């Protein structure tokens, strides 16, 4: 909900659609329309398998049905990856079983895509067993490890997962971001040569781009996380020395160039409307459609780029 901000810490973020609850159908319609304008192909909806208070199951039904007519594909970013294994099996069985045949379901290789947040809460062996159980029950999927890529550990979670994703780039120096993405790509390629192609489940490189990030006004994060002033922060108007003029969208363009240098299979936009972390591209009074239209420009470049297969 964007209606519950009693101390006004986000007073300078004003969505063009006004204050809203994310589960309201008219808001979902407007958000999907903005995504269409941004030329986004697919959406990952934050999901808990929970009816209240977030109403995530009811909301997900609405998102799937409304996306169908707009040509958008839908998956989830499953928020309970470190819950007990049996709970995760129950949750993912519900999701894949309910939506695997829905026309708006995002699929790769004909398999429903599932993103899993905090997957590090279980070992790779546990995840392999979990996905094997789903497949045995007629619910195979294409799993992505969400927000959990660790450069030093490389491909440890590839097999069971088919892609690794970085949620925020705020702890990576701008001048090192391209190298970071290229190293991530190398882990994918090395894994595929050694294992992925042999078992018929090659991994894909999922590169993140971001318009900016600022969690300094989020309670509890000023001392918990690393970054500027003790919390994650990336100025939207700067990216290293590449864009010294302070223009809006500089950081977004910089992350895009870094991602493209790594020959990505996917581009993951982080985020559409995580307003509390100031990583949104959603249209606001402050920026208008600046970041929606810039996204469309970057999507066009990505789709027209010559990439190595």
Protein backbone atom coordinates (compact mmCIF):
# COMPACT_ATOMS: atom_id res chain seq x y z
CA UNK A 1 0.00 0.00 0.00
CA UNK A 2 1.14 3.56 -0.72
CA UNK A 3 -1.49 4.98 1.62
CA UNK A 4 0.22 4.20 4.94
CA UNK A 5 3.04 6.70 5.49
CA UNK A 6 2.17 8.37 8.81
CA UNK A 7 5.49 10.17 9.28
CA UNK A 8 5.75 11.40 5.71
CA UNK A 9 9.18 9.96 5.01
CA UNK A 10 8.20 9.45 1.36
CA UNK A 11 6.45 12.77 0.92
CA UNK A 12 8.55 13.57 -2.15
CA UNK A 13 7.35 10.50 -4.08
CA UNK A 14 3.97 11.15 -5.67
CA UNK A 15 2.69 8.64 -8.24
CA UNK A 16 0.77 10.24 -11.09
CA UNK A 17 -2.09 7.85 -10.40
CA UNK A 18 -2.36 9.21 -6.84
CA UNK A 19 -2.20 7.31 -3.55
CA UNK A 20 -3.14 3.69 -4.03
CA UNK A 21 -3.36 0.12 -2.82
CA UNK A 22 -1.59 -2.22 -5.24
CA UNK A 23 -4.44 -4.74 -5.24
CA UNK A 24 -7.05 -2.35 -6.62
CA UNK A 25 -8.05 -3.35 -10.19
CA UNK A 26 -8.00 0.23 -11.51
CA UNK A 27 -4.43 0.62 -10.25
CA UNK A 28 -3.34 -2.66 -11.82
CA UNK A 29 -4.83 -1.45 -15.12
CA UNK A 30 -2.93 1.84 -14.96
CA UNK A 31 0.34 0.17 -13.98
CA UNK A 32 0.08 -2.36 -16.79
CA UNK A 33 -0.61 0.49 -19.22
CA UNK A 34 2.58 2.24 -18.07
CA UNK A 35 4.49 -1.00 -18.56
CA UNK A 36 3.12 -1.25 -22.08
CA UNK A 37 4.31 2.29 -22.78
CA UNK A 38 7.73 1.30 -21.40
CA UNK A 39 7.78 -1.70 -23.80
CA UNK A 40 8.23 -4.10 -20.92
CA UNK A 41 7.52 -7.72 -21.86
CA UNK A 42 7.03 -9.38 -18.48
CA UNK A 43 6.33 -8.52 -14.86
CA UNK A 44 7.46 -10.25 -11.64
CA UNK A 45 4.84 -9.69 -8.93
CA UNK A 46 5.96 -9.85 -5.31
CA UNK A 47 4.03 -12.80 -3.83
CA UNK A 48 3.65 -14.60 -0.48
CA UNK A 49 0.80 -17.10 -1.14
CA UNK A 50 -1.19 -15.03 1.30
CA UNK A 51 -4.77 -13.78 1.32
CA UNK A 52 -4.36 -11.06 3.97
CA UNK A 53 -3.32 -8.41 4.67
CA UNK A 54 -1.47 -8.06 1.35
CA UNK A 55 -4.19 -9.92 -0.59
CA UNK A 56 -1.45 -11.36 -2.77
CA UNK A 57 -3.43 -14.33 -4.13
CA UNK A 58 -6.44 -12.25 -5.09
CA UNK A 59 -4.18 -9.57 -6.54
CA UNK A 60 -2.21 -12.10 -8.58
CA UNK A 61 -5.40 -13.43 -10.14
CA UNK A 62 -6.32 -9.90 -11.19
CA UNK A 63 -2.85 -9.18 -12.59
CA UNK A 64 -2.86 -12.35 -14.69
CA UNK A 65 -6.32 -11.73 -16.09
CA UNK A 66 -5.73 -8.05 -16.86
CA UNK A 67 -2.29 -8.70 -18.38
CA UNK A 68 -3.72 -11.24 -20.82
CA UNK A 69 -5.42 -8.54 -22.90
CA UNK A 70 -2.38 -6.25 -22.82
CA UNK A 71 0.12 -8.74 -24.20
CA UNK A 72 2.17 -8.80 -20.98
CA UNK A 73 3.54 -11.93 -19.35
CA UNK A 74 3.49 -12.51 -15.60
CA UNK A 75 5.51 -14.43 -13.04
CA UNK A 76 6.19 -14.03 -9.33
CA UNK A 77 9.08 -13.02 -7.16
CA UNK A 78 8.34 -15.56 -4.43
CA UNK A 79 9.13 -13.84 -1.12
CA UNK A 80 9.33 -16.91 1.13
CA UNK A 81 12.34 -18.75 -0.22
CA UNK A 82 13.82 -19.41 3.20
CA UNK A 83 10.63 -20.84 4.70
CA UNK A 84 10.63 -24.57 5.62
CA UNK A 85 10.90 -26.74 2.52
CA UNK A 86 7.41 -28.19 2.88
CA UNK A 87 5.93 -24.69 2.95
CA UNK A 88 7.86 -23.75 -0.18
CA UNK A 89 6.67 -26.92 -1.94
CA UNK A 90 3.08 -26.08 -1.01
CA UNK A 91 3.39 -22.49 -2.18
CA UNK A 92 5.10 -23.18 -5.49
CA UNK A 93 2.80 -26.12 -6.21
CA UNK A 94 -0.13 -23.76 -5.83
CA UNK A 95 1.40 -21.11 -8.09
CA UNK A 96 2.60 -23.39 -10.90
CA UNK A 97 -0.54 -25.53 -10.76
CA UNK A 98 -2.86 -22.54 -10.87
CA UNK A 99 -1.18 -20.53 -13.62
CA UNK A 100 0.88 -22.91 -15.77
CA UNK A 101 -1.74 -22.92 -18.51
CA UNK A 102 -2.76 -19.28 -18.21
CA UNK A 103 -2.11 -17.36 -21.45
CA UNK A 104 -0.30 -14.62 -19.52
CA UNK A 105 2.13 -17.02 -17.80
CA UNK A 106 5.77 -16.15 -18.51
CA UNK A 107 7.49 -19.23 -19.90
CA UNK A 108 10.97 -20.20 -21.04
CA UNK A 109 11.42 -23.45 -22.94
CA UNK A 110 7.71 -23.96 -22.42
CA UNK A 111 8.15 -23.94 -18.63
CA UNK A 112 6.56 -21.48 -16.17
CA UNK A 113 9.15 -19.05 -14.80
CA UNK A 114 9.44 -18.82 -11.01
CA UNK A 115 11.67 -16.27 -9.28
CA UNK A 116 12.68 -17.14 -5.71
CA UNK A 117 13.80 -14.50 -3.20
CA UNK A 118 16.12 -15.50 -0.30
CA UNK A 119 16.77 -18.87 -1.91
CA UNK A 120 20.06 -18.95 0.00
CA UNK A 121 17.99 -20.13 2.98
CA UNK A 122 18.30 -23.66 1.58
CA UNK A 123 21.20 -25.54 0.02
CA UNK A 124 21.44 -26.23 -3.71
CA UNK A 125 20.84 -29.90 -2.94
CA UNK A 126 17.60 -29.04 -1.12
CA UNK A 127 16.41 -26.94 -4.05
CA UNK A 128 17.26 -29.71 -6.52
CA UNK A 129 15.15 -32.09 -4.47
CA UNK A 130 12.31 -29.57 -4.27
CA UNK A 131 12.17 -28.91 -8.00
CA UNK A 132 12.44 -32.64 -8.69
CA UNK A 133 9.35 -33.16 -6.53
CA UNK A 134 7.46 -30.49 -8.46
CA UNK A 135 8.46 -32.07 -11.77
CA UNK A 136 7.42 -35.53 -10.58
CA UNK A 137 4.02 -34.03 -9.72
CA UNK A 138 3.64 -32.63 -13.22
CA UNK A 139 4.70 -29.10 -12.24
CA UNK A 140 8.10 -28.47 -13.82
CA UNK A 141 9.28 -24.86 -13.92
CA UNK A 142 12.13 -22.57 -14.97
CA UNK A 143 13.49 -21.25 -11.62
CA UNK A 144 15.47 -18.03 -11.21
CA UNK A 145 17.38 -17.25 -8.03
CA UNK A 146 16.23 -13.74 -7.22
CA UNK A 147 18.49 -11.14 -5.63
CA UNK A 148 21.01 -13.73 -4.47
CA UNK A 149 23.94 -13.75 -6.87
CA UNK A 150 27.23 -13.85 -5.00
CA UNK A 151 30.29 -13.20 -7.14
CA UNK A 152 32.65 -15.21 -4.98
CA UNK A 153 30.44 -18.31 -5.04
CA UNK A 154 29.81 -18.17 -8.75
CA UNK A 155 27.62 -20.97 -10.05
CA UNK A 156 26.97 -22.81 -6.78
CA UNK A 157 23.20 -22.42 -7.20
CA UNK A 158 23.11 -23.11 -10.93
CA UNK A 159 21.42 -26.48 -11.13
CA UNK A 160 18.86 -26.22 -9.65
CA UNK A 161 18.39 -22.58 -10.74
CA UNK A 162 18.54 -21.63 -14.41
CA UNK A 163 19.50 -17.97 -13.89
CA UNK A 164 20.92 -15.75 -11.15
CA UNK A 165 19.66 -12.23 -10.51
CA UNK A 166 21.03 -9.19 -8.66
CA UNK A 167 18.25 -7.12 -7.13
CA UNK A 168 20.14 -3.92 -6.31
CA UNK A 169 23.44 -2.66 -7.68
CA UNK A 170 24.06 -0.14 -4.90
CA UNK A 171 27.00 -2.02 -3.32
CA UNK A 172 28.89 -2.20 -6.62
CA UNK A 173 31.10 0.72 -7.60
CA UNK A 174 29.99 2.25 -10.88
CA UNK A 175 33.44 1.83 -12.41
CA UNK A 176 33.35 -1.90 -11.61
CA UNK A 177 29.80 -2.67 -12.67
CA UNK A 178 30.62 -3.74 -16.24
CA UNK A 179 33.33 -6.07 -14.97
CA UNK A 180 30.88 -7.46 -12.39
CA UNK A 181 28.30 -8.20 -15.09
CA UNK A 182 30.91 -9.76 -17.36
CA UNK A 183 32.12 -12.00 -14.54
CA UNK A 184 28.53 -13.04 -13.92
CA UNK A 185 28.22 -13.91 -17.61
CA UNK A 186 31.44 -15.95 -17.41
CA UNK A 187 30.05 -17.99 -14.52
CA UNK A 188 27.01 -18.79 -16.65
CA UNK A 189 29.11 -19.75 -19.69
CA UNK A 190 31.52 -21.87 -17.64
CA UNK A 191 28.65 -23.68 -15.97
CA UNK A 192 26.95 -24.36 -19.29
CA UNK A 193 30.11 -25.81 -20.83
CA UNK A 194 30.76 -28.07 -17.86
CA UNK A 195 27.22 -29.04 -16.89
CA UNK A 196 24.28 -27.09 -18.30
CA UNK A 197 24.43 -28.26 -21.92
CA UNK A 198 25.21 -31.84 -20.87
CA UNK A 199 22.10 -32.18 -18.71
CA UNK A 200 19.92 -30.28 -21.16
CA UNK A 201 19.27 -27.39 -18.77
CA UNK A 202 21.56 -24.53 -19.79
CA UNK A 203 21.55 -21.42 -17.62
CA UNK A 204 20.84 -17.91 -18.88
CA UNK A 205 22.44 -14.60 -17.95
CA UNK A 206 19.95 -12.34 -16.19
CA UNK A 207 21.42 -8.80 -16.02
CA UNK A 208 19.92 -6.06 -13.86
CA UNK A 209 19.49 -2.40 -14.73
CA UNK A 210 18.26 0.24 -12.30
CA UNK A 211 17.22 3.91 -12.39
CA UNK A 212 18.63 4.55 -8.91
CA UNK A 213 18.27 3.48 -5.29
CA UNK A 214 17.87 5.16 -1.91
CA UNK A 215 16.98 3.39 1.31
CA UNK A 216 18.32 6.02 3.69
CA UNK A 217 14.83 6.91 4.92
CA UNK A 218 13.85 3.31 5.61
CA UNK A 219 13.90 2.63 9.37
CA UNK A 220 16.52 0.10 10.45
CA UNK A 221 18.65 0.28 7.30
CA UNK A 222 20.96 3.16 8.17
CA UNK A 223 23.27 0.94 10.19
CA UNK A 224 22.37 -2.52 8.93
CA UNK A 225 23.45 -2.20 5.30
CA UNK A 226 26.62 -0.98 3.65
CA UNK A 227 26.62 2.04 1.38
CA UNK A 228 26.55 5.82 1.50
CA UNK A 229 25.76 7.08 5.02
CA UNK A 230 25.32 3.47 6.13
CA UNK A 231 22.52 2.66 3.69
CA UNK A 232 22.26 1.84 0.00
CA UNK A 233 22.16 4.89 -2.23
CA UNK A 234 22.64 5.55 -5.94
CA UNK A 235 22.00 9.02 -7.33
CA UNK A 236 19.79 8.91 -10.43
CA UNK A 237 21.75 11.77 -12.00
CA UNK A 238 25.23 10.23 -11.82
CA UNK A 239 27.11 7.18 -13.03
CA UNK A 240 30.84 7.21 -12.33
CA UNK A 241 32.54 9.61 -14.73
CA UNK A 242 30.51 8.55 -17.75
CA UNK A 243 27.74 11.08 -17.18
CA UNK A 244 29.22 14.02 -15.26
CA UNK A 245 26.50 16.51 -16.21
CA UNK A 246 24.01 15.41 -13.55
CA UNK A 247 21.27 14.63 -16.06
CA UNK A 248 18.24 12.64 -14.95
CA UNK A 249 18.56 9.04 -16.11
CA UNK A 250 22.36 8.98 -16.07
CA UNK A 251 22.57 6.10 -13.60
CA UNK A 252 19.94 4.14 -15.53
CA UNK A 253 21.87 4.57 -18.78
CA UNK A 254 25.11 3.60 -17.06
CA UNK A 255 23.70 0.39 -15.64
CA UNK A 256 22.24 -0.44 -19.05
CA UNK A 257 25.61 -0.03 -20.77
CA UNK A 258 27.28 -2.18 -18.11
CA UNK A 259 24.64 -4.87 -18.50
CA UNK A 260 24.89 -4.82 -22.30
CA UNK A 261 28.66 -5.27 -22.10
CA UNK A 262 27.99 -8.74 -20.67
CA UNK A 263 25.86 -10.09 -23.54
CA UNK A 264 22.71 -10.61 -21.44
CA UNK A 265 19.91 -13.03 -22.26
CA UNK A 266 17.51 -11.03 -20.06
CA UNK A 267 17.37 -7.48 -18.76
CA UNK A 268 15.78 -7.19 -15.35
CA UNK A 269 14.50 -3.72 -14.39
CA UNK A 270 14.78 -3.11 -10.69
CA UNK A 271 12.12 -1.81 -10.13
CA UNK A 272 8.74 -0.69 -11.45
CA UNK A 273 7.20 0.63 -8.23
CA UNK A 274 9.39 -0.10 -5.21
CA UNK A 275 8.71 3.48 -4.14
CA UNK A 276 10.03 2.96 -0.62
CA UNK A 277 13.52 2.27 -1.99
CA UNK A 278 13.35 4.99 -4.65
CA UNK A 279 14.18 2.48 -7.38
CA UNK A 280 10.93 3.02 -9.25
CA UNK A 281 10.33 3.86 -12.90
CA UNK A 282 6.60 4.36 -12.26
CA UNK A 283 5.37 7.73 -13.51
CA UNK A 284 5.38 10.35 -10.75
CA UNK A 285 4.73 14.05 -10.34
CA UNK A 286 8.46 14.51 -9.76
CA UNK A 287 9.63 12.82 -12.98
CA UNK A 288 6.52 12.53 -15.12
CA UNK A 289 6.99 9.71 -17.66
CA UNK A 290 10.75 10.33 -17.87
CA UNK A 291 11.74 6.86 -16.67
CA UNK A 292 8.89 5.07 -18.43
CA UNK A 293 9.95 6.54 -21.77
CA UNK A 294 13.65 6.06 -21.07
CA UNK A 295 12.88 2.40 -20.37
CA UNK A 296 11.21 2.13 -23.78
CA UNK A 297 14.34 3.60 -25.37
CA UNK A 298 16.60 1.12 -23.58
CA UNK A 299 14.31 -1.81 -24.42
CA UNK A 300 14.50 -0.82 -28.09
CA UNK A 301 18.31 -0.79 -27.94
CA UNK A 302 18.38 -4.16 -26.19
CA UNK A 303 16.10 -5.81 -28.71
CA UNK A 304 17.96 -4.40 -31.68
CA UNK A 305 21.42 -5.21 -30.37
CA UNK A 306 23.49 -7.97 -31.95
CA UNK A 307 24.18 -10.46 -29.18
CA UNK A 308 26.30 -13.60 -29.18
CA UNK A 309 24.23 -16.76 -28.87
